[in-house]
């Protein structure tokens, strides 16, 4: 399997990560449809706020907390509940999965150079 294919496979499958509080978060990097649904949940005003939207995106990528499923947020109240539940430790851990940048080698392989 090429590295590009592995990255696509990895993005489609959840990853478990332990936060600084010892909680196991299951994180699935968001896809286009996930982001579209998040835009709807935050509403047009908050969708223009990159800091809020970024935090909401990271929180919404968490699909389970200590093995208990976490439903995707459908409105601003749900987003705030999830952010509050995750706290700084949970958001930091989830961000390492969601915000993972490809390495130079991965970019070259994807580009075919």
PDB file of N, CA and C in Angstrom:
ATOM      1  N   UNK A   1       0.853  -1.171   0.000  1.00  0.00           N
ATOM      2  CA  UNK A   1       0.000   0.000   0.000  1.00  0.00           C
ATOM      3  C   UNK A   1       0.899   1.234   0.000  1.00  0.00           C
ATOM      4  N   UNK A   2       0.627   2.177  -0.940  1.00  0.00           N
ATOM      5  CA  UNK A   2       1.429   3.400  -0.990  1.00  0.00           C
ATOM      6  C   UNK A   2       1.136   4.254   0.233  1.00  0.00           C
ATOM      7  N   UNK A   3       2.021   5.192   0.519  1.00  0.00           N
ATOM      8  CA  UNK A   3       1.821   6.072   1.685  1.00  0.00           C
ATOM      9  C   UNK A   3       0.569   6.918   1.497  1.00  0.00           C
ATOM     10  N   UNK A   4       0.303   7.346   0.253  1.00  0.00           N
ATOM     11  CA  UNK A   4      -0.898   8.145  -0.016  1.00  0.00           C
ATOM     12  C   UNK A   4      -2.155   7.327   0.278  1.00  0.00           C
ATOM     13  N   UNK A   5      -2.163   6.075  -0.142  1.00  0.00           N
ATOM     14  CA  UNK A   5      -3.307   5.201   0.128  1.00  0.00           C
ATOM     15  C   UNK A   5      -3.437   4.960   1.626  1.00  0.00           C
ATOM     16  N   UNK A   6      -2.307   4.793   2.290  1.00  0.00           N
ATOM     17  CA  UNK A   6      -2.326   4.590   3.743  1.00  0.00           C
ATOM     18  C   UNK A   6      -2.897   5.810   4.448  1.00  0.00           C
ATOM     19  N   UNK A   7      -2.541   7.004   3.986  1.00  0.00           N
ATOM     20  CA  UNK A   7      -3.079   8.225   4.590  1.00  0.00           C
ATOM     21  C   UNK A   7      -4.591   8.319   4.409  1.00  0.00           C
ATOM     22  N   UNK A   8      -5.067   7.966   3.215  1.00  0.00           N
ATOM     23  CA  UNK A   8      -6.513   7.989   2.962  1.00  0.00           C
ATOM     24  C   UNK A   8      -7.206   6.971   3.855  1.00  0.00           C
ATOM     25  N   UNK A   9      -6.633   5.769   3.963  1.00  0.00           N
ATOM     26  CA  UNK A   9      -7.203   4.734   4.824  1.00  0.00           C
ATOM     27  C   UNK A   9      -7.218   5.205   6.274  1.00  0.00           C
ATOM     28  N   UNK A  10      -6.107   5.803   6.696  1.00  0.00           N
ATOM     29  CA  UNK A  10      -5.977   6.292   8.067  1.00  0.00           C
ATOM     30  C   UNK A  10      -7.004   7.383   8.364  1.00  0.00           C
ATOM     31  N   UNK A  11      -7.234   8.264   7.390  1.00  0.00           N
ATOM     32  CA  UNK A  11      -8.185   9.360   7.579  1.00  0.00           C
ATOM     33  C   UNK A  11      -9.610   8.848   7.704  1.00  0.00           C
ATOM     34  N   UNK A  12      -9.903   7.721   7.070  1.00  0.00           N
ATOM     35  CA  UNK A  12     -11.260   7.186   7.105  1.00  0.00           C
ATOM     36  C   UNK A  12     -11.531   6.371   8.361  1.00  0.00           C
ATOM     37  N   UNK A  13     -10.503   6.058   9.102  1.00  0.00           N
ATOM     38  CA  UNK A  13     -10.662   5.214  10.275  1.00  0.00           C
ATOM     39  C   UNK A  13     -10.288   5.963  11.554  1.00  0.00           C
ATOM     40  N   UNK A  14     -11.054   5.737  12.582  1.00  0.00           N
ATOM     41  CA  UNK A  14     -10.773   6.426  13.846  1.00  0.00           C
ATOM     42  C   UNK A  14      -9.460   5.983  14.479  1.00  0.00           C
ATOM     43  N   UNK A  15      -8.907   6.891  15.262  1.00  0.00           N
ATOM     44  CA  UNK A  15      -7.661   6.653  15.979  1.00  0.00           C
ATOM     45  C   UNK A  15      -7.937   6.877  17.457  1.00  0.00           C
ATOM     46  N   UNK A  16      -7.427   5.996  18.304  1.00  0.00           N
ATOM     47  CA  UNK A  16      -7.546   6.189  19.750  1.00  0.00           C
ATOM     48  C   UNK A  16      -6.312   6.915  20.247  1.00  0.00           C
ATOM     49  N   UNK A  17      -6.538   7.904  21.108  1.00  0.00           N
ATOM     50  CA  UNK A  17      -5.453   8.669  21.699  1.00  0.00           C
ATOM     51  C   UNK A  17      -5.822   8.948  23.155  1.00  0.00           C
ATOM     52  N   UNK A  18      -4.837   8.912  24.021  1.00  0.00           N
ATOM     53  CA  UNK A  18      -5.071   9.178  25.438  1.00  0.00           C
ATOM     54  C   UNK A  18      -4.678  10.613  25.743  1.00  0.00           C
ATOM     55  N   UNK A  19      -5.585  11.341  26.399  1.00  0.00           N
ATOM     56  CA  UNK A  19      -5.275  12.730  26.746  1.00  0.00           C
ATOM     57  C   UNK A  19      -4.509  12.791  28.065  1.00  0.00           C
ATOM     58  N   UNK A  20      -4.142  14.006  28.475  1.00  0.00           N
ATOM     59  CA  UNK A  20      -3.343  14.188  29.689  1.00  0.00           C
ATOM     60  C   UNK A  20      -4.084  13.789  30.962  1.00  0.00           C
ATOM     61  N   UNK A  21      -5.400  13.639  30.890  1.00  0.00           N
ATOM     62  CA  UNK A  21      -6.183  13.220  32.052  1.00  0.00           C
ATOM     63  C   UNK A  21      -6.403  11.707  32.081  1.00  0.00           C
ATOM     64  N   UNK A  22      -5.808  10.993  31.108  1.00  0.00           N
ATOM     65  CA  UNK A  22      -5.916   9.543  31.061  1.00  0.00           C
ATOM     66  C   UNK A  22      -7.157   9.031  30.345  1.00  0.00           C
ATOM     67  N   UNK A  23      -7.930   9.918  29.748  1.00  0.00           N
ATOM     68  CA  UNK A  23      -9.127   9.486  29.019  1.00  0.00           C
ATOM     69  C   UNK A  23      -8.738   9.051  27.612  1.00  0.00           C
ATOM     70  N   UNK A  24      -9.396   8.011  27.124  1.00  0.00           N
ATOM     71  CA  UNK A  24      -9.140   7.532  25.773  1.00  0.00           C
ATOM     72  C   UNK A  24     -10.180   8.157  24.848  1.00  0.00           C
ATOM     73  N   UNK A  25      -9.691   8.945  23.889  1.00  0.00           N
ATOM     74  CA  UNK A  25     -10.558   9.593  22.912  1.00  0.00           C
ATOM     75  C   UNK A  25     -10.431   8.853  21.592  1.00  0.00           C
ATOM     76  N   UNK A  26     -11.544   8.577  20.976  1.00  0.00           N
ATOM     77  CA  UNK A  26     -11.545   8.035  19.627  1.00  0.00           C
ATOM     78  C   UNK A  26     -11.793   9.221  18.706  1.00  0.00           C
ATOM     79  N   UNK A  27     -10.853   9.439  17.799  1.00  0.00           N
ATOM     80  CA  UNK A  27     -10.899  10.617  16.932  1.00  0.00           C
ATOM     81  C   UNK A  27     -10.893  10.169  15.480  1.00  0.00           C
ATOM     82  N   UNK A  28     -11.810  10.728  14.702  1.00  0.00           N
ATOM     83  CA  UNK A  28     -11.837  10.467  13.259  1.00  0.00           C
ATOM     84  C   UNK A  28     -11.720  11.806  12.556  1.00  0.00           C
ATOM     85  N   UNK A  29     -10.617  12.012  11.822  1.00  0.00           N
ATOM     86  CA  UNK A  29     -10.476  13.278  11.113  1.00  0.00           C
ATOM     87  C   UNK A  29     -11.698  13.550  10.243  1.00  0.00           C
ATOM     88  N   UNK A  30     -12.195  14.785  10.270  1.00  0.00           N
ATOM     89  CA  UNK A  30     -13.426  15.106   9.556  1.00  0.00           C
ATOM     90  C   UNK A  30     -13.265  15.096   8.040  1.00  0.00           C
ATOM     91  N   UNK A  31     -14.301  14.645   7.374  1.00  0.00           N
ATOM     92  CA  UNK A  31     -14.376  14.623   5.918  1.00  0.00           C
ATOM     93  C   UNK A  31     -15.220  15.806   5.468  1.00  0.00           C
ATOM     94  N   UNK A  32     -15.371  15.956   4.176  1.00  0.00           N
ATOM     95  CA  UNK A  32     -16.120  17.087   3.615  1.00  0.00           C
ATOM     96  C   UNK A  32     -17.542  17.146   4.177  1.00  0.00           C
ATOM     97  N   UNK A  33     -18.235  16.021   4.240  1.00  0.00           N
ATOM     98  CA  UNK A  33     -19.614  16.018   4.744  1.00  0.00           C
ATOM     99  C   UNK A  33     -19.651  16.378   6.226  1.00  0.00           C
ATOM    100  N   UNK A  34     -18.670  15.916   6.982  1.00  0.00           N
ATOM    101  CA  UNK A  34     -18.583  16.279   8.408  1.00  0.00           C
ATOM    102  C   UNK A  34     -18.444  17.787   8.563  1.00  0.00           C
ATOM    103  N   UNK A  35     -17.584  18.384   7.746  1.00  0.00           N
ATOM    104  CA  UNK A  35     -17.378  19.834   7.827  1.00  0.00           C
ATOM    105  C   UNK A  35     -18.639  20.590   7.410  1.00  0.00           C
ATOM    106  N   UNK A  36     -19.305  20.115   6.383  1.00  0.00           N
ATOM    107  CA  UNK A  36     -20.548  20.750   5.944  1.00  0.00           C
ATOM    108  C   UNK A  36     -21.592  20.719   7.055  1.00  0.00           C
ATOM    109  N   UNK A  37     -21.733  19.590   7.705  1.00  0.00           N
ATOM    110  CA  UNK A  37     -22.695  19.474   8.808  1.00  0.00           C
ATOM    111  C   UNK A  37     -22.302  20.360   9.980  1.00  0.00           C
ATOM    112  N   UNK A  38     -21.001  20.510  10.205  1.00  0.00           N
ATOM    113  CA  UNK A  38     -20.551  21.385  11.279  1.00  0.00           C
ATOM    114  C   UNK A  38     -20.884  22.843  10.965  1.00  0.00           C
ATOM    115  N   UNK A  39     -20.702  23.257   9.711  1.00  0.00           N
ATOM    116  CA  UNK A  39     -21.081  24.622   9.316  1.00  0.00           C
ATOM    117  C   UNK A  39     -22.548  24.883   9.625  1.00  0.00           C
ATOM    118  N   UNK A  40     -23.369  23.889   9.352  1.00  0.00           N
ATOM    119  CA  UNK A  40     -24.804  24.019   9.635  1.00  0.00           C
ATOM    120  C   UNK A  40     -25.042  24.127  11.140  1.00  0.00           C
ATOM    121  N   UNK A  41     -24.311  23.342  11.925  1.00  0.00           N
ATOM    122  CA  UNK A  41     -24.494  23.333  13.378  1.00  0.00           C
ATOM    123  C   UNK A  41     -24.059  24.657  14.008  1.00  0.00           C
ATOM    124  N   UNK A  42     -22.965  25.247  13.524  1.00  0.00           N
ATOM    125  CA  UNK A  42     -22.487  26.484  14.132  1.00  0.00           C
ATOM    126  C   UNK A  42     -23.287  27.691  13.664  1.00  0.00           C
ATOM    127  N   UNK A  43     -23.897  27.579  12.503  1.00  0.00           N
ATOM    128  CA  UNK A  43     -24.667  28.703  11.981  1.00  0.00           C
ATOM    129  C   UNK A  43     -23.792  29.669  11.209  1.00  0.00           C
ATOM    130  N   UNK A  44     -24.425  30.545  10.434  1.00  0.00           N
ATOM    131  CA  UNK A  44     -23.665  31.420   9.534  1.00  0.00           C
ATOM    132  C   UNK A  44     -22.765  32.426  10.247  1.00  0.00           C
ATOM    133  N   UNK A  45     -23.177  32.910  11.389  1.00  0.00           N
ATOM    134  CA  UNK A  45     -22.380  33.913  12.091  1.00  0.00           C
ATOM    135  C   UNK A  45     -21.102  33.306  12.659  1.00  0.00           C
ATOM    136  N   UNK A  46     -21.237  32.200  13.399  1.00  0.00           N
ATOM    137  CA  UNK A  46     -20.057  31.579  14.009  1.00  0.00           C
ATOM    138  C   UNK A  46     -19.162  30.890  12.979  1.00  0.00           C
ATOM    139  N   UNK A  47     -19.722  30.531  11.821  1.00  0.00           N
ATOM    140  CA  UNK A  47     -18.909  29.920  10.774  1.00  0.00           C
ATOM    141  C   UNK A  47     -17.871  30.906  10.242  1.00  0.00           C
ATOM    142  N   UNK A  48     -18.092  32.200  10.477  1.00  0.00           N
ATOM    143  CA  UNK A  48     -17.152  33.236  10.048  1.00  0.00           C
ATOM    144  C   UNK A  48     -16.046  33.472  11.074  1.00  0.00           C
ATOM    145  N   UNK A  49     -16.156  32.831  12.238  1.00  0.00           N
ATOM    146  CA  UNK A  49     -15.178  33.005  13.302  1.00  0.00           C
ATOM    147  C   UNK A  49     -14.196  31.826  13.252  1.00  0.00           C
ATOM    148  N   UNK A  50     -12.987  32.019  12.697  1.00  0.00           N
ATOM    149  CA  UNK A  50     -12.073  30.889  12.507  1.00  0.00           C
ATOM    150  C   UNK A  50     -11.636  30.220  13.808  1.00  0.00           C
ATOM    151  N   UNK A  51     -11.509  30.978  14.884  1.00  0.00           N
ATOM    152  CA  UNK A  51     -11.092  30.361  16.152  1.00  0.00           C
ATOM    153  C   UNK A  51     -12.186  29.442  16.696  1.00  0.00           C
ATOM    154  N   UNK A  52     -13.426  29.924  16.682  1.00  0.00           N
ATOM    155  CA  UNK A  52     -14.552  29.108  17.147  1.00  0.00           C
ATOM    156  C   UNK A  52     -14.704  27.878  16.256  1.00  0.00           C
ATOM    157  N   UNK A  53     -14.671  28.106  14.945  1.00  0.00           N
ATOM    158  CA  UNK A  53     -14.869  27.006  14.007  1.00  0.00           C
ATOM    159  C   UNK A  53     -13.765  25.957  14.143  1.00  0.00           C
ATOM    160  N   UNK A  54     -12.531  26.394  14.352  1.00  0.00           N
ATOM    161  CA  UNK A  54     -11.425  25.446  14.520  1.00  0.00           C
ATOM    162  C   UNK A  54     -11.596  24.579  15.750  1.00  0.00           C
ATOM    163  N   UNK A  55     -11.971  25.208  16.856  1.00  0.00           N
ATOM    164  CA  UNK A  55     -12.179  24.449  18.084  1.00  0.00           C
ATOM    165  C   UNK A  55     -13.363  23.495  17.935  1.00  0.00           C
ATOM    166  N   UNK A  56     -14.421  23.970  17.275  1.00  0.00           N
ATOM    167  CA  UNK A  56     -15.594  23.126  17.054  1.00  0.00           C
ATOM    168  C   UNK A  56     -15.243  21.946  16.153  1.00  0.00           C
ATOM    169  N   UNK A  57     -14.390  22.172  15.159  1.00  0.00           N
ATOM    170  CA  UNK A  57     -13.995  21.100  14.250  1.00  0.00           C
ATOM    171  C   UNK A  57     -13.218  20.016  14.991  1.00  0.00           C
ATOM    172  N   UNK A  58     -12.293  20.433  15.834  1.00  0.00           N
ATOM    173  CA  UNK A  58     -11.509  19.462  16.613  1.00  0.00           C
ATOM    174  C   UNK A  58     -12.436  18.677  17.544  1.00  0.00           C
ATOM    175  N   UNK A  59     -13.319  19.379  18.248  1.00  0.00           N
ATOM    176  CA  UNK A  59     -14.236  18.701  19.183  1.00  0.00           C
ATOM    177  C   UNK A  59     -15.148  17.730  18.447  1.00  0.00           C
ATOM    178  N   UNK A  60     -15.648  18.138  17.286  1.00  0.00           N
ATOM    179  CA  UNK A  60     -16.595  17.282  16.562  1.00  0.00           C
ATOM    180  C   UNK A  60     -15.942  16.041  15.967  1.00  0.00           C
ATOM    181  N   UNK A  61     -14.615  16.025  15.913  1.00  0.00           N
ATOM    182  CA  UNK A  61     -13.908  14.847  15.403  1.00  0.00           C
ATOM    183  C   UNK A  61     -13.848  13.719  16.429  1.00  0.00           C
ATOM    184  N   UNK A  62     -14.157  14.031  17.689  1.00  0.00           N
ATOM    185  CA  UNK A  62     -14.154  13.003  18.738  1.00  0.00           C
ATOM    186  C   UNK A  62     -15.440  12.202  18.618  1.00  0.00           C
ATOM    187  N   UNK A  63     -15.292  10.907  18.352  1.00  0.00           N
ATOM    188  CA  UNK A  63     -16.462  10.046  18.154  1.00  0.00           C
ATOM    189  C   UNK A  63     -16.774   9.169  19.369  1.00  0.00           C
ATOM    190  N   UNK A  64     -15.827   9.075  20.306  1.00  0.00           N
ATOM    191  CA  UNK A  64     -16.069   8.305  21.535  1.00  0.00           C
ATOM    192  C   UNK A  64     -15.116   8.804  22.612  1.00  0.00           C
ATOM    193  N   UNK A  65     -15.575   8.714  23.842  1.00  0.00           N
ATOM    194  CA  UNK A  65     -14.779   9.116  25.001  1.00  0.00           C
ATOM    195  C   UNK A  65     -14.821   7.963  25.994  1.00  0.00           C
ATOM    196  N   UNK A  66     -13.661   7.355  26.234  1.00  0.00           N
ATOM    197  CA  UNK A  66     -13.560   6.159  27.087  1.00  0.00           C
ATOM    198  C   UNK A  66     -14.508   5.064  26.614  1.00  0.00           C
ATOM    199  N   UNK A  67     -14.605   4.907  25.298  1.00  0.00           N
ATOM    200  CA  UNK A  67     -15.418   3.851  24.710  1.00  0.00           C
ATOM    201  C   UNK A  67     -16.903   4.159  24.606  1.00  0.00           C
ATOM    202  N   UNK A  68     -17.332   5.285  25.119  1.00  0.00           N
ATOM    203  CA  UNK A  68     -18.744   5.672  25.052  1.00  0.00           C
ATOM    204  C   UNK A  68     -18.915   6.570  23.828  1.00  0.00           C
ATOM    205  N   UNK A  69     -19.780   6.181  22.888  1.00  0.00           N
ATOM    206  CA  UNK A  69     -19.961   6.988  21.674  1.00  0.00           C
ATOM    207  C   UNK A  69     -20.374   8.426  21.981  1.00  0.00           C
ATOM    208  N   UNK A  70     -19.821   9.337  21.208  1.00  0.00           N
ATOM    209  CA  UNK A  70     -20.151  10.762  21.305  1.00  0.00           C
ATOM    210  C   UNK A  70     -20.832  11.139  19.992  1.00  0.00           C
ATOM    211  N   UNK A  71     -22.122  11.507  20.040  1.00  0.00           N
ATOM    212  CA  UNK A  71     -22.796  11.874  18.791  1.00  0.00           C
ATOM    213  C   UNK A  71     -22.254  13.186  18.243  1.00  0.00           C
ATOM    214  N   UNK A  72     -22.276  13.340  16.931  1.00  0.00           N
ATOM    215  CA  UNK A  72     -21.800  14.608  16.369  1.00  0.00           C
ATOM    216  C   UNK A  72     -22.716  15.756  16.786  1.00  0.00           C
ATOM    217  N   UNK A  73     -22.146  16.912  17.068  1.00  0.00           N
ATOM    218  CA  UNK A  73     -22.973  18.045  17.491  1.00  0.00           C
ATOM    219  C   UNK A  73     -23.858  18.536  16.343  1.00  0.00           C
ATOM    220  N   UNK A  74     -25.069  18.955  16.687  1.00  0.00           N
ATOM    221  CA  UNK A  74     -26.000  19.424  15.666  1.00  0.00           C
ATOM    222  C   UNK A  74     -26.394  20.887  15.843  1.00  0.00           C
ATOM    223  N   UNK A  75     -25.915  21.506  16.920  1.00  0.00           N
ATOM    224  CA  UNK A  75     -26.193  22.924  17.116  1.00  0.00           C
ATOM    225  C   UNK A  75     -25.128  23.519  18.043  1.00  0.00           C
ATOM    226  N   UNK A  76     -25.195  24.828  18.215  1.00  0.00           N
ATOM    227  CA  UNK A  76     -24.195  25.535  19.014  1.00  0.00           C
ATOM    228  C   UNK A  76     -24.134  25.012  20.452  1.00  0.00           C
ATOM    229  N   UNK A  77     -25.284  24.721  21.028  1.00  0.00           N
ATOM    230  CA  UNK A  77     -25.326  24.213  22.401  1.00  0.00           C
ATOM    231  C   UNK A  77     -24.591  22.880  22.515  1.00  0.00           C
ATOM    232  N   UNK A  78     -24.803  21.983  21.558  1.00  0.00           N
ATOM    233  CA  UNK A  78     -24.115  20.687  21.575  1.00  0.00           C
ATOM    234  C   UNK A  78     -22.600  20.863  21.451  1.00  0.00           C
ATOM    235  N   UNK A  79     -22.189  21.804  20.604  1.00  0.00           N
ATOM    236  CA  UNK A  79     -20.754  22.061  20.428  1.00  0.00           C
ATOM    237  C   UNK A  79     -20.145  22.520  21.747  1.00  0.00           C
ATOM    238  N   UNK A  80     -20.824  23.462  22.404  1.00  0.00           N
ATOM    239  CA  UNK A  80     -20.299  23.980  23.666  1.00  0.00           C
ATOM    240  C   UNK A  80     -20.273  22.913  24.756  1.00  0.00           C
ATOM    241  N   UNK A  81     -21.274  22.045  24.781  1.00  0.00           N
ATOM    242  CA  UNK A  81     -21.272  20.934  25.750  1.00  0.00           C
ATOM    243  C   UNK A  81     -20.079  20.022  25.512  1.00  0.00           C
ATOM    244  N   UNK A  82     -19.830  19.701  24.233  1.00  0.00           N
ATOM    245  CA  UNK A  82     -18.732  18.801  23.896  1.00  0.00           C
ATOM    246  C   UNK A  82     -17.381  19.431  24.227  1.00  0.00           C
ATOM    247  N   UNK A  83     -17.205  20.698  23.906  1.00  0.00           N
ATOM    248  CA  UNK A  83     -15.954  21.390  24.225  1.00  0.00           C
ATOM    249  C   UNK A  83     -15.748  21.403  25.743  1.00  0.00           C
ATOM    250  N   UNK A  84     -16.813  21.682  26.485  1.00  0.00           N
ATOM    251  CA  UNK A  84     -16.717  21.676  27.940  1.00  0.00           C
ATOM    252  C   UNK A  84     -16.375  20.305  28.492  1.00  0.00           C
ATOM    253  N   UNK A  85     -16.935  19.282  27.904  1.00  0.00           N
ATOM    254  CA  UNK A  85     -16.673  17.908  28.353  1.00  0.00           C
ATOM    255  C   UNK A  85     -15.236  17.493  28.057  1.00  0.00           C
ATOM    256  N   UNK A  86     -14.728  17.890  26.890  1.00  0.00           N
ATOM    257  CA  UNK A  86     -13.366  17.526  26.510  1.00  0.00           C
ATOM    258  C   UNK A  86     -12.334  18.336  27.275  1.00  0.00           C
ATOM    259  N   UNK A  87     -12.613  19.605  27.480  1.00  0.00           N
ATOM    260  CA  UNK A  87     -11.660  20.475  28.159  1.00  0.00           C
ATOM    261  C   UNK A  87     -10.388  20.646  27.349  1.00  0.00           C
ATOM    262  N   UNK A  88      -9.455  21.361  27.941  1.00  0.00           N
ATOM    263  CA  UNK A  88      -8.193  21.629  27.248  1.00  0.00           C
ATOM    264  C   UNK A  88      -7.430  20.345  26.922  1.00  0.00           C
ATOM    265  N   UNK A  89      -7.403  19.410  27.865  1.00  0.00           N
ATOM    266  CA  UNK A  89      -6.636  18.173  27.657  1.00  0.00           C
ATOM    267  C   UNK A  89      -7.199  17.362  26.486  1.00  0.00           C
ATOM    268  N   UNK A  90      -8.501  17.229  26.424  1.00  0.00           N
ATOM    269  CA  UNK A  90      -9.122  16.473  25.349  1.00  0.00           C
ATOM    270  C   UNK A  90      -8.967  17.147  24.002  1.00  0.00           C
ATOM    271  N   UNK A  91      -9.127  18.470  23.981  1.00  0.00           N
ATOM    272  CA  UNK A  91      -8.975  19.201  22.724  1.00  0.00           C
ATOM    273  C   UNK A  91      -7.544  19.135  22.208  1.00  0.00           C
ATOM    274  N   UNK A  92      -6.569  19.251  23.115  1.00  0.00           N
ATOM    275  CA  UNK A  92      -5.160  19.148  22.696  1.00  0.00           C
ATOM    276  C   UNK A  92      -4.880  17.785  22.076  1.00  0.00           C
ATOM    277  N   UNK A  93      -5.371  16.739  22.725  1.00  0.00           N
ATOM    278  CA  UNK A  93      -5.121  15.385  22.220  1.00  0.00           C
ATOM    279  C   UNK A  93      -5.793  15.186  20.861  1.00  0.00           C
ATOM    280  N   UNK A  94      -7.047  15.593  20.738  1.00  0.00           N
ATOM    281  CA  UNK A  94      -7.770  15.430  19.473  1.00  0.00           C
ATOM    282  C   UNK A  94      -7.126  16.242  18.363  1.00  0.00           C
ATOM    283  N   UNK A  95      -6.609  17.414  18.700  1.00  0.00           N
ATOM    284  CA  UNK A  95      -5.986  18.274  17.695  1.00  0.00           C
ATOM    285  C   UNK A  95      -4.751  17.629  17.080  1.00  0.00           C
ATOM    286  N   UNK A  96      -4.060  16.780  17.835  1.00  0.00           N
ATOM    287  CA  UNK A  96      -2.873  16.125  17.276  1.00  0.00           C
ATOM    288  C   UNK A  96      -3.249  15.187  16.134  1.00  0.00           C
ATOM    289  N   UNK A  97      -4.475  14.688  16.144  1.00  0.00           N
ATOM    290  CA  UNK A  97      -4.946  13.819  15.067  1.00  0.00           C
ATOM    291  C   UNK A  97      -5.542  14.651  13.940  1.00  0.00           C
ATOM    292  N   UNK A  98      -6.375  15.610  14.287  1.00  0.00           N
ATOM    293  CA  UNK A  98      -7.086  16.404  13.283  1.00  0.00           C
ATOM    294  C   UNK A  98      -6.138  17.318  12.521  1.00  0.00           C
ATOM    295  N   UNK A  99      -5.206  17.937  13.215  1.00  0.00           N
ATOM    296  CA  UNK A  99      -4.323  18.925  12.599  1.00  0.00           C
ATOM    297  C   UNK A  99      -3.006  18.355  12.105  1.00  0.00           C
ATOM    298  N   UNK A 100      -2.931  17.041  11.985  1.00  0.00           N
ATOM    299  CA  UNK A 100      -1.678  16.415  11.573  1.00  0.00           C
ATOM    300  C   UNK A 100      -1.319  16.852  10.152  1.00  0.00           C
ATOM    301  N   UNK A 101      -0.174  17.459  10.015  1.00  0.00           N
ATOM    302  CA  UNK A 101       0.303  17.899   8.702  1.00  0.00           C
ATOM    303  C   UNK A 101       1.109  16.766   8.063  1.00  0.00           C
ATOM    304  N   UNK A 102       0.992  16.604   6.731  1.00  0.00           N
ATOM    305  CA  UNK A 102       1.791  15.565   6.073  1.00  0.00           C
ATOM    306  C   UNK A 102       3.269  15.936   6.095  1.00  0.00           C
ATOM    307  N   UNK A 103       4.110  14.919   6.114  1.00  0.00           N
ATOM    308  CA  UNK A 103       5.556  15.153   6.056  1.00  0.00           C
ATOM    309  C   UNK A 103       5.934  15.535   4.630  1.00  0.00           C
ATOM    310  N   UNK A 104       7.163  16.048   4.454  1.00  0.00           N
ATOM    311  CA  UNK A 104       7.636  16.399   3.114  1.00  0.00           C
ATOM    312  C   UNK A 104       7.628  15.188   2.203  1.00  0.00           C
ATOM    313  N   UNK A 105       8.029  14.044   2.741  1.00  0.00           N
ATOM    314  CA  UNK A 105       8.044  12.814   1.944  1.00  0.00           C
ATOM    315  C   UNK A 105       6.642  12.407   1.493  1.00  0.00           C
ATOM    316  N   UNK A 106       5.666  12.561   2.369  1.00  0.00           N
ATOM    317  CA  UNK A 106       4.282  12.226   2.018  1.00  0.00           C
ATOM    318  C   UNK A 106       3.770  13.160   0.912  1.00  0.00           C
ATOM    319  N   UNK A 107       4.138  14.432   1.011  1.00  0.00           N
ATOM    320  CA  UNK A 107       3.716  15.388  -0.023  1.00  0.00           C
ATOM    321  C   UNK A 107       4.360  15.036  -1.352  1.00  0.00           C
ATOM    322  N   UNK A 108       5.661  14.710  -1.347  1.00  0.00           N
ATOM    323  CA  UNK A 108       6.355  14.344  -2.594  1.00  0.00           C
ATOM    324  C   UNK A 108       5.740  13.082  -3.215  1.00  0.00           C
ATOM    325  N   UNK A 109       5.468  12.091  -2.362  1.00  0.00           N
ATOM    326  CA  UNK A 109       4.896  10.844  -2.876  1.00  0.00           C
ATOM    327  C   UNK A 109       3.513  11.091  -3.485  1.00  0.00           C
ATOM    328  N   UNK A 110       2.711  11.896  -2.834  1.00  0.00           N
ATOM    329  CA  UNK A 110       1.374  12.210  -3.337  1.00  0.00           C
ATOM    330  C   UNK A 110       1.469  12.959  -4.663  1.00  0.00           C
ATOM    331  N   UNK A 111       2.473  13.839  -4.776  1.00  0.00           N
ATOM    332  CA  UNK A 111       2.651  14.632  -6.006  1.00  0.00           C
ATOM    333  C   UNK A 111       3.317  13.817  -7.111  1.00  0.00           C
ATOM    334  N   UNK A 112       3.941  12.714  -6.737  1.00  0.00           N
ATOM    335  CA  UNK A 112       4.605  11.874  -7.729  1.00  0.00           C
ATOM    336  C   UNK A 112       6.010  12.344  -8.059  1.00  0.00           C
ATOM    337  N   UNK A 113       6.613  13.124  -7.192  1.00  0.00           N
ATOM    338  CA  UNK A 113       7.972  13.635  -7.440  1.00  0.00           C
ATOM    339  C   UNK A 113       9.006  12.787  -6.737  1.00  0.00           C
TER     340      UNK A 113
END
